[in-house]
N, C-alpha and C. Protein backbone atom coordinates (compact mmCIF):
# COMPACT_ATOMS: atom_id res chain seq x y z
N MET A 1 -5.55 13.43 -10.48
CA MET A 1 -5.02 11.43 -10.97
C MET A 1 -3.75 11.85 -11.73
N ASN A 2 -2.68 11.34 -11.35
CA ASN A 2 -1.71 11.23 -12.70
C ASN A 2 -2.00 10.39 -13.83
N GLU A 3 -1.80 10.59 -15.20
CA GLU A 3 -1.79 10.13 -15.67
C GLU A 3 -1.24 8.58 -16.75
N PRO A 4 -1.74 7.67 -15.86
CA PRO A 4 -0.71 6.34 -16.74
C PRO A 4 -0.27 6.04 -17.68
N LEU A 5 -1.15 6.53 -18.87
CA LEU A 5 -0.55 6.43 -19.97
C LEU A 5 0.44 6.98 -20.47
N LEU A 6 1.02 7.66 -19.75
CA LEU A 6 2.52 8.38 -19.86
C LEU A 6 4.01 7.54 -19.67
N TYR A 7 3.72 6.68 -19.09
CA TYR A 7 4.72 5.55 -18.53
C TYR A 7 4.84 4.41 -19.55
N GLU A 8 6.07 4.53 -19.88
CA GLU A 8 6.85 3.01 -20.93
C GLU A 8 6.42 1.91 -20.24
N ASP A 9 6.85 2.41 -18.73
CA ASP A 9 6.98 0.68 -18.21
C ASP A 9 6.73 0.97 -16.68
N GLU A 10 6.78 -0.17 -15.76
CA GLU A 10 6.35 0.11 -14.34
C GLU A 10 7.71 0.52 -13.61
N LEU A 11 9.00 0.87 -14.32
CA LEU A 11 10.14 1.51 -13.55
C LEU A 11 9.93 2.91 -13.68
N ASP A 12 9.73 3.76 -14.81
CA ASP A 12 8.97 5.14 -15.40
C ASP A 12 8.26 5.21 -14.41
N ALA A 13 6.72 4.64 -14.18
CA ALA A 13 5.57 4.85 -12.95
C ALA A 13 6.65 5.19 -11.66
N ALA A 14 7.11 3.77 -11.33
CA ALA A 14 8.27 4.15 -9.96
C ALA A 14 9.00 5.21 -10.13
N ARG A 15 10.28 5.78 -10.68
CA ARG A 15 10.66 6.42 -10.51
C ARG A 15 9.95 7.75 -10.38
N ASP A 16 8.52 8.02 -11.07
CA ASP A 16 8.17 9.41 -10.54
C ASP A 16 7.61 9.27 -9.12
N ALA A 17 6.75 7.89 -8.66
CA ALA A 17 6.38 7.81 -7.58
C ALA A 17 7.39 7.89 -6.65
N VAL A 18 8.94 7.71 -6.79
CA VAL A 18 10.18 8.29 -5.87
C VAL A 18 10.15 9.33 -6.14
N LYS A 19 10.44 10.43 -7.12
CA LYS A 19 10.17 11.88 -7.04
C LYS A 19 9.37 12.34 -6.10
N ALA A 20 8.35 11.52 -6.44
CA ALA A 20 7.10 12.37 -5.57
C ALA A 20 7.22 12.35 -4.16
N LEU A 21 8.06 11.58 -3.64
CA LEU A 21 8.03 10.95 -2.51
C LEU A 21 9.31 11.73 -1.65
N GLY A 22 10.32 12.58 -2.55
CA GLY A 22 11.44 13.17 -2.04
C GLY A 22 12.79 12.68 -2.53
N GLY A 23 12.61 11.87 -3.47
CA GLY A 23 14.01 11.10 -4.36
C GLY A 23 14.49 9.84 -3.57
N ALA A 24 15.75 9.20 -4.50
CA ALA A 24 15.78 8.04 -4.24
C ALA A 24 16.70 8.24 -3.06
N LYS A 25 17.15 8.94 -2.68
CA LYS A 25 17.57 9.17 -1.24
C LYS A 25 17.05 9.31 -0.07
N LYS A 26 15.77 9.45 0.19
CA LYS A 26 15.32 9.32 1.11
C LYS A 26 14.26 8.09 1.32
N VAL A 27 13.86 7.74 -0.25
CA VAL A 27 13.02 6.44 -0.42
C VAL A 27 14.07 5.14 -0.26
N GLY A 28 14.97 5.53 -0.49
CA GLY A 28 16.34 4.22 -0.15
C GLY A 28 16.51 4.05 1.13
N GLN A 29 16.32 5.00 1.84
CA GLN A 29 16.34 5.15 3.42
C GLN A 29 15.34 4.50 3.98
N GLN A 30 14.25 4.93 3.56
CA GLN A 30 12.88 4.15 4.01
C GLN A 30 12.63 2.49 4.10
N PHE A 31 13.38 2.28 2.89
CA PHE A 31 13.26 0.66 2.55
C PHE A 31 14.37 -0.38 3.12
N TRP A 32 15.79 0.59 3.11
CA TRP A 32 16.48 0.14 3.60
C TRP A 32 16.98 0.51 4.72
N PRO A 33 16.94 0.59 5.81
CA PRO A 33 17.11 1.50 6.79
C PRO A 33 18.40 0.99 8.04
N ASP A 34 19.03 -0.08 7.56
CA ASP A 34 20.07 -1.00 7.89
C ASP A 34 21.18 -0.87 7.14
N LYS A 35 21.30 0.05 5.85
CA LYS A 35 22.44 0.35 4.89
C LYS A 35 22.96 1.63 5.46
N THR A 36 23.61 2.02 4.74
CA THR A 36 24.09 3.70 5.02
C THR A 36 23.40 4.32 3.79
N PRO A 37 23.06 5.18 4.17
CA PRO A 37 22.24 6.27 3.31
C PRO A 37 22.66 6.03 1.87
N GLU A 38 23.95 6.17 1.10
CA GLU A 38 24.68 5.93 0.18
C GLU A 38 24.46 4.59 -0.33
N ALA A 39 24.40 3.62 0.02
CA ALA A 39 24.22 2.24 0.02
C ALA A 39 22.50 2.12 -0.51
N ALA A 40 21.66 2.47 0.67
CA ALA A 40 19.95 2.62 -0.20
C ALA A 40 19.92 3.32 -1.02
N HIS A 41 20.22 4.22 -1.32
CA HIS A 41 20.27 5.25 -2.42
C HIS A 41 20.75 4.15 -3.65
N ARG A 42 22.09 3.80 -3.75
CA ARG A 42 22.38 3.20 -4.65
C ARG A 42 21.59 1.66 -5.17
N THR A 43 20.94 1.29 -4.16
CA THR A 43 20.33 0.37 -4.57
C THR A 43 19.04 0.26 -4.67
N LEU A 44 18.27 0.95 -4.43
CA LEU A 44 17.19 1.73 -5.05
C LEU A 44 17.15 2.24 -6.55
N LEU A 45 18.51 3.19 -6.97
CA LEU A 45 18.61 3.13 -8.06
C LEU A 45 18.72 1.99 -9.16
N ASP A 46 19.30 1.38 -8.58
CA ASP A 46 19.60 -0.17 -9.45
C ASP A 46 17.74 -0.90 -9.75
N CYS A 47 17.27 -1.05 -8.64
CA CYS A 47 16.06 -1.53 -8.36
C CYS A 47 15.24 -0.77 -9.57
N LEU A 48 15.47 0.87 -9.84
CA LEU A 48 14.90 1.43 -11.12
C LEU A 48 15.07 1.29 -12.28
N ASN A 49 16.49 0.85 -12.55
CA ASN A 49 17.42 0.59 -13.65
C ASN A 49 16.97 -0.44 -14.33
N ALA A 50 16.25 -0.40 -15.68
CA ALA A 50 16.11 -1.67 -16.60
C ALA A 50 17.21 -2.51 -16.72
N THR A 51 18.44 -1.67 -16.62
CA THR A 51 19.43 -2.73 -17.42
C THR A 51 20.24 -3.31 -15.91
N ARG A 52 19.89 -3.10 -15.03
CA ARG A 52 20.34 -3.72 -13.77
C ARG A 52 19.28 -4.97 -13.66
N ALA A 53 20.18 -6.16 -12.75
CA ALA A 53 19.17 -7.03 -12.67
C ALA A 53 18.50 -7.02 -11.00
N GLU A 54 18.78 -6.00 -9.90
CA GLU A 54 18.11 -5.65 -9.08
C GLU A 54 16.79 -4.93 -9.14
N ARG A 55 15.54 -5.69 -8.45
CA ARG A 55 14.40 -5.18 -8.78
C ARG A 55 13.60 -4.89 -7.38
N LEU A 56 12.91 -4.14 -7.08
CA LEU A 56 11.83 -4.06 -6.00
C LEU A 56 11.11 -5.41 -5.93
N THR A 57 10.49 -6.05 -4.49
CA THR A 57 9.69 -7.06 -4.64
C THR A 57 8.43 -6.45 -4.58
N PRO A 58 7.59 -7.44 -4.76
CA PRO A 58 6.32 -7.17 -4.84
C PRO A 58 5.51 -6.18 -3.88
N SER A 59 5.91 -6.89 -2.57
CA SER A 59 5.89 -5.97 -1.25
C SER A 59 6.32 -4.81 -0.93
N GLN A 60 7.44 -4.58 -1.91
CA GLN A 60 7.91 -3.19 -1.95
C GLN A 60 7.28 -2.31 -2.61
N LEU A 61 7.01 -2.57 -3.63
CA LEU A 61 6.32 -1.93 -4.96
C LEU A 61 4.93 -1.36 -4.31
N LEU A 62 4.22 -2.51 -3.74
CA LEU A 62 2.85 -1.84 -2.47
C LEU A 62 3.33 -1.06 -1.84
N LEU A 63 4.50 -1.10 -0.90
CA LEU A 63 4.53 -0.17 0.05
C LEU A 63 4.89 1.33 -0.41
N LEU A 64 5.53 1.50 -1.82
CA LEU A 64 5.71 2.51 -2.40
C LEU A 64 4.47 3.04 -3.18
N MET A 65 3.73 2.11 -3.77
CA MET A 65 2.28 2.72 -3.86
C MET A 65 1.85 3.30 -2.54
N LYS A 66 1.59 2.78 -1.72
CA LYS A 66 0.91 3.49 -0.61
C LYS A 66 1.61 4.87 0.11
N TRP A 67 3.06 5.07 0.18
CA TRP A 67 3.50 5.80 0.54
C TRP A 67 3.05 7.32 -0.46
N ALA A 68 3.47 6.68 -2.17
CA ALA A 68 3.05 7.51 -2.88
C ALA A 68 1.44 8.79 -2.50
N ARG A 69 0.64 7.00 -2.53
CA ARG A 69 -0.96 7.89 -2.17
C ARG A 69 -0.88 8.97 -1.32
N GLY A 70 -0.12 8.56 -0.18
CA GLY A 70 -0.37 9.62 0.82
C GLY A 70 0.36 10.80 0.68
N VAL A 71 1.47 11.25 -0.49
CA VAL A 71 1.33 12.03 -0.84
C VAL A 71 0.83 12.75 -2.47
N GLY A 72 -0.14 12.30 -2.55
CA GLY A 72 -1.02 12.71 -3.88
C GLY A 72 -0.42 11.65 -5.07
N PHE A 73 -0.02 11.12 -5.00
CA PHE A 73 0.94 10.58 -6.22
C PHE A 73 0.08 9.37 -6.12
N HIS A 74 -0.59 8.58 -7.51
CA HIS A 74 -1.16 7.79 -8.02
C HIS A 74 -0.94 7.15 -9.70
N GLY A 75 0.17 7.83 -9.93
CA GLY A 75 0.46 7.12 -11.48
C GLY A 75 1.15 5.44 -11.41
N LEU A 76 2.07 5.33 -10.47
CA LEU A 76 1.95 4.18 -10.21
C LEU A 76 0.95 2.96 -9.91
N ALA A 77 -0.02 3.63 -8.90
CA ALA A 77 -0.87 2.05 -9.38
C ALA A 77 -1.80 1.99 -10.19
N GLY A 78 -2.10 3.38 -10.97
CA GLY A 78 -2.83 3.68 -12.02
C GLY A 78 -2.17 2.39 -13.22
N TYR A 79 -0.98 3.02 -13.35
CA TYR A 79 -0.02 2.00 -14.35
C TYR A 79 -0.46 0.83 -14.38
N TYR A 80 -0.47 0.45 -13.45
CA TYR A 80 -0.30 -1.07 -13.09
C TYR A 80 -2.22 -1.36 -13.50
N MET A 81 -2.81 -0.53 -12.70
CA MET A 81 -4.33 -1.10 -13.02
C MET A 81 -4.77 -0.82 -14.45
N GLN A 82 -3.97 0.32 -15.46
CA GLN A 82 -4.18 0.02 -16.50
C GLN A 82 -3.82 -1.23 -17.32
N GLU A 83 -2.63 -1.55 -16.64
CA GLU A 83 -2.17 -2.81 -18.03
C GLU A 83 -2.72 -3.90 -17.33
N ALA A 84 -3.14 -4.23 -16.29
CA ALA A 84 -4.17 -5.16 -15.92
C ALA A 84 -5.54 -5.23 -16.49
N GLY A 85 -5.63 -4.55 -17.31
CA GLY A 85 -6.98 -3.90 -18.23
C GLY A 85 -8.15 -3.48 -16.73
N TYR A 86 -7.73 -2.75 -15.91
CA TYR A 86 -8.91 -2.29 -14.69
C TYR A 86 -8.86 -0.15 -15.43
N SER A 87 -9.90 0.11 -14.47
CA SER A 87 -9.93 1.21 -14.73
C SER A 87 -8.84 2.27 -13.99
N VAL A 88 -8.78 3.48 -14.04
CA VAL A 88 -7.93 4.39 -13.38
C VAL A 88 -8.21 4.00 -11.83
N PRO A 89 -7.77 3.79 -10.93
CA PRO A 89 -7.84 3.80 -9.35
C PRO A 89 -8.63 5.16 -9.06
N VAL A 90 -9.16 4.87 -8.21
CA VAL A 90 -10.08 6.40 -7.10
C VAL A 90 -9.53 5.82 -5.90
N PRO A 91 -8.52 6.92 -5.43
CA PRO A 91 -8.10 6.76 -3.83
C PRO A 91 -9.24 6.97 -2.71
N VAL A 92 -9.34 5.86 -2.19
CA VAL A 92 -10.14 6.08 -0.80
C VAL A 92 -10.20 7.21 0.20
N ASP A 93 -10.98 7.83 0.62
CA ASP A 93 -10.70 9.02 1.75
C ASP A 93 -10.69 8.23 2.87
N PRO A 94 -9.29 8.53 3.83
CA PRO A 94 -8.86 7.73 4.90
C PRO A 94 -10.18 7.99 5.62
N GLU A 95 -10.90 9.15 6.12
CA GLU A 95 -11.65 9.30 6.90
C GLU A 95 -12.93 8.11 6.59
N THR A 96 -12.96 8.33 5.49
CA THR A 96 -14.35 7.14 4.75
C THR A 96 -14.28 5.82 5.13
N GLU A 97 -12.76 5.63 4.69
CA GLU A 97 -12.24 4.26 4.88
C GLU A 97 -12.49 3.73 6.57
N ALA A 98 -11.88 4.78 7.57
CA ALA A 98 -11.52 4.28 8.96
C ALA A 98 -13.15 4.56 9.45
N ALA A 99 -14.17 5.04 9.20
CA ALA A 99 -15.57 5.05 9.40
C ALA A 99 -16.04 3.89 9.14
N VAL A 100 -16.00 3.39 8.07
CA VAL A 100 -16.22 1.83 7.65
C VAL A 100 -15.59 0.62 8.41
N LEU A 101 -14.43 0.78 8.63
CA LEU A 101 -13.30 -0.31 9.71
C LEU A 101 -14.01 0.12 11.06
N VAL A 102 -14.53 1.14 11.46
CA VAL A 102 -15.37 1.39 13.14
C VAL A 102 -16.46 0.33 13.03
N ARG A 103 -17.54 0.58 11.81
CA ARG A 103 -18.37 0.07 11.73
C ARG A 103 -18.21 -1.95 11.64
N GLN A 104 -17.07 -2.03 10.97
CA GLN A 104 -17.03 -3.37 10.76
C GLN A 104 -16.83 -3.87 12.32
N VAL A 105 -15.57 -3.22 13.06
CA VAL A 105 -15.37 -3.98 14.11
C VAL A 105 -16.31 -3.57 15.41
N GLU A 106 -17.52 -2.93 15.40
CA GLU A 106 -18.71 -2.99 15.94
C GLU A 106 -19.72 -3.87 15.83
N SER A 107 -19.43 -4.40 14.50
CA SER A 107 -20.24 -5.37 14.10
C SER A 107 -19.79 -7.02 14.83
N ALA A 108 -18.41 -6.78 14.47
CA ALA A 108 -17.62 -8.23 14.87
C ALA A 108 -17.73 -8.18 16.61
N MET A 109 -17.81 -6.92 17.05
CA MET A 109 -18.16 -7.52 18.26
C MET A 109 -19.18 -7.43 18.83
N ASP A 110 -20.44 -7.02 18.24
CA ASP A 110 -21.52 -7.32 18.67
C ASP A 110 -22.08 -9.05 18.31
N ARG A 111 -21.27 -9.29 17.38
CA ARG A 111 -21.46 -10.52 16.98
C ARG A 111 -21.00 -11.42 17.91
N ALA A 112 -19.60 -11.31 18.68
CA ALA A 112 -19.03 -11.76 19.33
C ALA A 112 -19.49 -12.15 20.52
N VAL A 113 -20.54 -11.21 21.47
CA VAL A 113 -21.25 -11.13 22.20
C VAL A 113 -22.27 -12.09 22.29
N SER A 114 -22.63 -11.87 21.11
CA SER A 114 -23.84 -12.51 21.02
C SER A 114 -23.63 -14.47 21.16
N LEU A 115 -22.41 -14.48 20.48
CA LEU A 115 -21.64 -15.79 20.54
C LEU A 115 -21.37 -16.36 21.95
N VAL A 116 -20.81 -15.60 22.43
CA VAL A 116 -20.50 -15.82 23.89
C VAL A 116 -21.67 -16.01 24.82
N GLU A 117 -22.79 -15.21 24.53
CA GLU A 117 -24.32 -15.56 25.36
C GLU A 117 -24.66 -16.78 24.99
N ARG A 118 -24.51 -17.31 23.66
CA ARG A 118 -24.92 -18.43 23.22
C ARG A 118 -24.27 -19.58 23.83
N LEU A 119 -22.76 -19.38 23.74
CA LEU A 119 -22.14 -20.52 24.51
C LEU A 119 -22.37 -20.67 26.06
N GLU A 120 -22.33 -19.31 26.93
CA GLU A 120 -23.11 -19.87 28.14
C GLU A 120 -24.13 -20.41 28.28
N ARG A 121 -25.16 -20.16 27.49
CA ARG A 121 -26.01 -20.90 27.56
C ARG A 121 -26.18 -22.65 27.05
N ILE A 122 -25.49 -22.50 26.62
CA ILE A 122 -25.47 -23.94 25.96
C ILE A 122 -24.79 -24.45 27.06
N LYS A 123 -23.78 -24.06 27.75
CA LYS A 123 -22.53 -24.77 28.73
C LYS A 123 -23.63 -24.83 29.94
N GLY A 124 -24.41 -24.05 29.91
CA GLY A 124 -25.37 -23.81 31.04
C GLY A 124 -24.68 -22.73 32.05
N MET A 125 -23.64 -21.83 31.97
CA MET A 125 -22.92 -20.99 32.86
C MET A 125 -23.52 -20.12 33.05
N GLY A 126 -24.60 -19.52 31.96
CA GLY A 126 -25.15 -18.26 32.24
C GLY A 126 -26.82 -18.09 32.29
N PRO A 127 -27.02 -16.81 32.41
CA PRO A 127 -28.42 -17.25 31.95
C PRO A 127 -29.49 -17.91 31.04
N ARG A 128 -30.63 -17.86 31.69
CA ARG A 128 -31.08 -19.00 30.55
C ARG A 128 -32.24 -18.52 30.01
């Protein structure tokens, strides 16, 4: 786990997340694929510069945290959690998360089948 205490502010943590992801040129292009690589790079650097007005949107910050999690960097998420008064986040194992989602889908499907059977009985369309 990256230590969020080391960050002065969210931009400091975000800059480390960008570094972990391969740098501003790579990440800028992911955020703004419609811009030239140079323009996307410059835009991202401006967003990470406290003296500039440009900022990443909350959705972009969340996306940056997700991308960073994918490469094992948790400092940005940790910074926000600590600032909000929460404990340091513990990443969810994707396989565990997938298993939980499969169980939830199966449960929802079972419930849907049960509801359809009940509806058919009420409408007199199915077996009684």
